[in-house]
Amino acid sequence: MLSVRPKVAELVFQLYGRSLHPELFEIYQSRTIERGDYQVTIQITSAGHLITWKYGDLLLTEVATSAHHPLPQKRRLMSYRLRGERQDQLQCRGGIEYEMSFSLEPTRPDKFLAYQQQLSLHATRGGMLQRFDASGRLDMGAMSYINVDSRDRILHVQAFHTFPDDCAVLRIQSFFQLPK
């Protein structure tokens, strides 16, 4: 099965107050962490990632995927095209806070190659790394690297997704914080 990324112009970021069926996505890696009073499942998909965070009866699902991917609109809390930079936050019931920021950065081919090499180096120290097949236009394939910092009251996720055909890097940072 060829695992090639969509074009960066097709990407969206969405946050839901519900779970999304895993069969909607082509999942390459998955990790579940239980820490303190919350549980999180982080998955690398063909277009980006899927994070499902649960605390008590509150469930938040963050997804970075293709805009052409059919996703429900029910209980969608945020939806942005992944262009440029953006920050947002959400106050949930019970004092739960969610924050996110993303940036899509075009770069020169030589800098892009160096960036992919840095991601590979970071992956040797931990985190989740997925290498994708080359699309045919360039010799190198895309990469996804996700670093997770899990504390008792806060979860910090950094996701880096590369798009060789567009020489672009997508960085997404998310915080899920329990009440103090």
Protein backbone atom coordinates (compact mmCIF):
# COMPACT_ATOMS: atom_id res chain seq x y z
CA MET A 1 0.00 0.00 0.00
CA LEU A 2 1.43 3.35 -1.00
CA SER A 3 1.37 5.82 1.87
CA VAL A 4 1.65 9.29 0.37
CA ARG A 5 0.56 12.58 1.91
CA PRO A 6 -2.13 14.90 0.53
CA LYS A 7 -1.14 18.37 -0.68
CA VAL A 8 -0.75 20.98 2.06
CA ALA A 9 -3.48 23.10 0.44
CA GLU A 10 -5.96 20.32 1.30
CA LEU A 11 -5.28 20.20 5.06
CA VAL A 12 -7.66 21.03 7.91
CA PHE A 13 -7.45 21.11 11.69
CA GLN A 14 -10.56 20.19 13.67
CA LEU A 15 -11.49 19.68 17.30
CA TYR A 16 -14.50 17.65 18.38
CA GLY A 17 -16.30 17.16 21.67
CA ARG A 18 -16.76 13.48 20.83
CA SER A 19 -14.83 10.51 19.54
CA LEU A 20 -14.31 9.82 15.84
CA HIS A 21 -14.43 6.30 14.49
CA PRO A 22 -10.88 5.01 13.88
CA GLU A 23 -12.05 3.26 10.70
CA LEU A 24 -12.42 6.75 9.15
CA PHE A 25 -8.62 7.01 9.10
CA GLU A 26 -5.64 5.14 7.76
CA ILE A 27 -3.68 4.71 11.01
CA TYR A 28 0.03 3.91 10.93
CA GLN A 29 0.95 4.18 14.61
CA SER A 30 -0.96 4.39 17.85
CA ARG A 31 0.00 5.00 21.47
CA THR A 32 -2.24 5.16 24.55
CA ILE A 33 -1.15 6.88 27.76
CA GLU A 34 -2.97 6.85 31.10
CA ARG A 35 -1.74 9.50 33.49
CA GLY A 36 -3.41 10.78 36.65
CA ASP A 37 -7.11 11.19 35.88
CA TYR A 38 -6.91 11.30 32.07
CA GLN A 39 -6.29 8.95 29.18
CA VAL A 40 -5.06 9.88 25.71
CA THR A 41 -4.67 7.95 22.47
CA ILE A 42 -2.36 9.48 19.89
CA GLN A 43 -2.38 8.15 16.34
CA ILE A 44 -0.35 9.03 13.25
CA THR A 45 -2.55 8.89 10.16
CA SER A 46 -1.86 9.11 6.44
CA ALA A 47 -2.63 12.86 6.40
CA GLY A 48 -1.58 13.93 9.90
CA HIS A 49 -2.74 12.82 13.33
CA LEU A 50 -5.65 12.01 15.60
CA ILE A 51 -5.59 12.69 19.36
CA THR A 52 -8.41 11.45 21.60
CA TRP A 53 -8.22 12.81 25.17
CA LYS A 54 -10.59 11.63 27.91
CA TYR A 55 -11.13 12.94 31.44
CA GLY A 56 -14.16 11.60 33.31
CA ASP A 57 -17.06 11.92 30.89
CA LEU A 58 -15.38 14.71 28.86
CA LEU A 59 -13.85 13.65 25.56
CA LEU A 60 -11.95 15.87 23.10
CA THR A 61 -10.68 14.70 19.71
CA GLU A 62 -8.15 16.69 17.70
CA VAL A 63 -7.57 15.79 14.06
CA ALA A 64 -5.27 17.10 11.35
CA THR A 65 -6.35 15.62 8.04
CA SER A 66 -7.33 16.29 4.43
CA ALA A 67 -10.29 18.61 3.84
CA HIS A 68 -11.57 15.98 1.39
CA HIS A 69 -11.80 13.46 4.21
CA PRO A 70 -15.48 13.03 5.15
CA LEU A 71 -15.81 13.97 8.83
CA PRO A 72 -18.96 14.64 10.85
CA GLN A 73 -20.07 18.15 11.76
CA LYS A 74 -21.88 17.06 14.92
CA ARG A 75 -20.13 18.42 18.04
CA ARG A 76 -17.32 20.02 16.03
CA LEU A 77 -15.83 22.71 18.26
CA MET A 78 -13.07 24.13 16.00
CA SER A 79 -12.35 23.95 12.30
CA TYR A 80 -9.52 25.72 10.44
CA ARG A 81 -7.77 25.34 7.12
CA LEU A 82 -4.12 24.66 7.88
CA ARG A 83 -2.60 27.81 6.40
CA GLY A 84 -0.13 30.24 7.93
CA GLU A 85 -0.33 30.45 11.70
CA ARG A 86 -3.19 30.25 14.16
CA GLN A 87 -3.81 29.95 17.90
CA ASP A 88 -7.04 29.18 19.72
CA GLN A 89 -8.25 27.98 23.08
CA LEU A 90 -11.35 26.49 24.56
CA GLN A 91 -12.72 26.48 28.10
CA CYS A 92 -14.62 23.27 28.78
CA ARG A 93 -16.96 22.39 31.59
CA GLY A 94 -15.37 21.56 34.90
CA GLY A 95 -12.46 23.97 34.34
CA ILE A 96 -10.75 21.92 31.62
CA GLU A 97 -8.65 24.06 29.26
CA TYR A 98 -7.58 23.20 25.73
CA GLU A 99 -5.10 25.29 23.74
CA MET A 100 -3.65 24.79 20.30
CA SER A 101 -1.40 26.56 17.87
CA PHE A 102 -0.23 25.62 14.42
CA SER A 103 2.05 26.97 11.73
CA LEU A 104 2.52 25.82 8.17
CA GLU A 105 5.95 26.87 6.97
CA PRO A 106 7.14 26.65 3.37
CA THR A 107 10.90 26.24 3.08
CA ARG A 108 13.69 25.81 0.55
CA PRO A 109 14.54 22.22 -0.50
CA ASP A 110 17.97 22.24 1.21
CA LYS A 111 16.46 23.46 4.51
CA PHE A 112 13.63 20.97 4.16
CA LEU A 113 16.09 18.07 3.90
CA ALA A 114 17.97 19.30 6.99
CA TYR A 115 14.68 19.58 8.87
CA GLN A 116 13.76 15.98 8.05
CA GLN A 117 17.20 14.86 9.26
CA GLN A 118 16.65 16.72 12.55
CA LEU A 119 13.28 15.00 13.03
CA SER A 120 14.94 11.62 12.52
CA LEU A 121 17.54 12.51 15.16
CA HIS A 122 14.86 13.60 17.67
CA ALA A 123 12.99 10.37 17.06
CA THR A 124 15.97 8.36 18.28
CA ARG A 125 15.44 10.03 21.67
CA GLY A 126 11.75 9.11 21.93
CA GLY A 127 8.40 10.06 20.52
CA MET A 128 6.58 8.56 17.57
CA LEU A 129 8.06 8.69 14.06
CA GLN A 130 6.43 7.56 10.83
CA ARG A 131 8.19 7.66 7.46
CA PHE A 132 5.99 7.68 4.38
CA ASP A 133 6.75 6.56 0.84
CA ALA A 134 8.04 9.05 -1.71
CA SER A 135 5.35 10.31 -4.07
CA GLY A 136 7.55 9.84 -7.12
CA ARG A 137 8.26 13.51 -7.74
CA LEU A 138 11.01 13.63 -5.09
CA ASP A 139 13.21 10.84 -3.74
CA MET A 140 12.27 11.52 -0.13
CA GLY A 141 9.00 10.67 1.56
CA ALA A 142 7.05 12.63 4.14
CA MET A 143 7.54 12.19 7.88
CA SER A 144 5.40 12.60 10.97
CA TYR A 145 6.99 13.00 14.39
CA ILE A 146 4.94 13.38 17.57
CA ASN A 147 6.45 14.21 20.94
CA VAL A 148 4.31 13.82 24.07
CA ASP A 149 4.95 15.36 27.49
CA SER A 150 2.48 13.82 29.93
CA ARG A 151 2.14 15.24 33.44
CA ASP A 152 -0.55 14.62 36.06
CA ARG A 153 -2.52 17.78 35.25
CA ILE A 154 -1.37 18.68 31.75
CA LEU A 155 -0.71 16.95 28.46
CA HIS A 156 1.50 18.71 25.92
CA VAL A 157 1.66 17.27 22.39
CA GLN A 158 3.97 18.55 19.64
CA ALA A 159 3.29 17.19 16.17
CA PHE A 160 5.50 17.79 13.13
CA HIS A 161 4.33 16.69 9.70
CA THR A 162 6.43 17.19 6.56
CA PHE A 163 5.26 17.53 2.97
CA PRO A 164 8.18 17.04 0.55
CA ASP A 165 6.24 17.78 -2.65
CA ASP A 166 5.39 21.22 -1.25
CA CYS A 167 8.64 21.68 0.76
CA ALA A 168 6.50 22.54 3.77
CA VAL A 169 6.50 21.69 7.46
CA LEU A 170 3.37 21.68 9.60
CA ARG A 171 3.85 22.19 13.34
CA ILE A 172 0.95 21.70 15.74
CA GLN A 173 1.18 22.18 19.49
CA SER A 174 -1.68 21.19 21.81
CA PHE A 175 -2.26 21.49 25.56
CA PHE A 176 -4.96 19.66 27.51
CA GLN A 177 -5.07 20.95 31.08
CA LEU A 178 -7.04 19.75 34.10
CA PRO A 179 -8.49 22.24 36.58
CA LYS A 180 -6.22 23.48 39.36
